[in-house]
Every structure is written in structure tokens, then in C-alpha cells.
């Protein structure tokens, strides 16, 4: 295998925290999907931070997923 010419940049603690939060939310969505049997419809999602975006909302439990 070839030698790396571009070393990976150091990862900031805030990046790791953001990633951990995203993983946690995905785990919650997977658990909910297993229990709910989601029926999704297209919706405008307003994330905790940032601008409203397109996404999916479950008609049964209200789970929102950004797309």
C-alpha cells in the first residue's frame, strides 16, 4: 500500500460531541422504528439548529428525519 501524503487533520472535541449526538439520535430513531412501524410523509423539518429543511415525519409517532 502507498504511503499517506496527507495526514488526517486533528479532530476537535466539538466535532466529536456533534458526531456522538447524531449517533445517539439515529439510535433513538432505530429503536422507535422497531416499535412504531413508521408511516412517513414529506414534511418541513425545523432542526434544533439551522434553517428549516425538507424531511420526513412519521404520521404515527411524530418522529422527524432530515433528508
Protein backbone atom coordinates (compact mmCIF):
# COMPACT_ATOMS: atom_id res chain seq x y z
CA UNK A 1 0.00 0.00 0.00
CA UNK A 2 1.19 3.53 -0.71
CA UNK A 3 2.46 6.00 1.81
CA UNK A 4 -0.04 8.63 3.01
CA UNK A 5 0.86 12.03 1.71
CA UNK A 6 -1.84 13.93 3.55
CA UNK A 7 -2.08 13.18 7.28
CA UNK A 8 -5.54 13.29 8.82
CA UNK A 9 -6.42 16.56 10.48
CA UNK A 10 -6.85 16.51 14.25
CA UNK A 11 -10.48 16.13 15.31
CA UNK A 12 -11.86 18.88 17.51
CA UNK A 13 -13.75 17.87 20.66
CA UNK A 14 -16.80 19.78 19.43
CA UNK A 15 -16.79 17.67 16.23
CA UNK A 16 -16.75 14.51 18.34
CA UNK A 17 -19.59 15.82 20.50
CA UNK A 18 -21.66 16.61 17.40
CA UNK A 19 -20.98 13.15 15.99
CA UNK A 20 -21.92 11.48 19.29
CA UNK A 21 -25.18 13.44 19.34
CA UNK A 22 -26.02 12.39 15.77
CA UNK A 23 -25.28 8.74 16.56
CA UNK A 24 -27.48 8.96 19.67
CA UNK A 25 -30.37 10.42 17.64
CA UNK A 26 -30.02 7.71 14.99
CA UNK A 27 -30.06 5.02 17.68
CA UNK A 28 -33.28 6.54 19.07
CA UNK A 29 -34.82 6.58 15.57
CA UNK A 30 -33.93 2.93 15.02
CA UNK A 31 -35.44 1.92 18.38
CA UNK A 32 -38.59 3.89 17.61
CA UNK A 33 -38.84 2.38 14.11
CA UNK A 34 -38.71 -1.11 15.59
CA UNK A 35 -41.60 -0.29 17.94
CA UNK A 36 -43.74 2.01 15.82
CA UNK A 37 -43.77 0.62 12.25
CA UNK A 38 -43.44 4.17 10.89
CA UNK A 39 -45.55 5.69 8.17
CA UNK A 40 -43.63 8.66 6.86
CA UNK A 41 -44.86 11.67 4.93
CA UNK A 42 -42.86 14.52 3.43
CA UNK A 43 -42.66 17.49 5.79
CA UNK A 44 -40.78 20.68 6.52
CA UNK A 45 -38.46 19.92 9.43
CA UNK A 46 -37.15 22.61 11.73
CA UNK A 47 -33.90 21.30 13.22
CA UNK A 48 -32.69 22.31 16.65
CA UNK A 49 -30.04 24.46 14.98
CA UNK A 50 -30.14 25.91 11.50
CA UNK A 51 -32.71 26.62 8.84
CA UNK A 52 -35.89 24.63 8.15
CA UNK A 53 -35.29 21.86 5.64
CA UNK A 54 -37.15 19.08 3.86
CA UNK A 55 -37.54 15.82 5.68
CA UNK A 56 -39.86 13.04 6.71
CA UNK A 57 -42.31 12.94 9.62
CA UNK A 58 -43.95 9.78 10.96
CA UNK A 59 -47.75 10.05 10.94
CA UNK A 60 -47.95 7.68 13.94
CA UNK A 61 -45.38 8.96 16.43
CA UNK A 62 -44.17 12.32 15.02
CA UNK A 63 -40.53 11.24 14.53
CA UNK A 64 -38.78 13.67 12.19
CA UNK A 65 -35.82 12.78 9.96
CA UNK A 66 -33.89 15.37 7.97
CA UNK A 67 -33.19 14.39 4.37
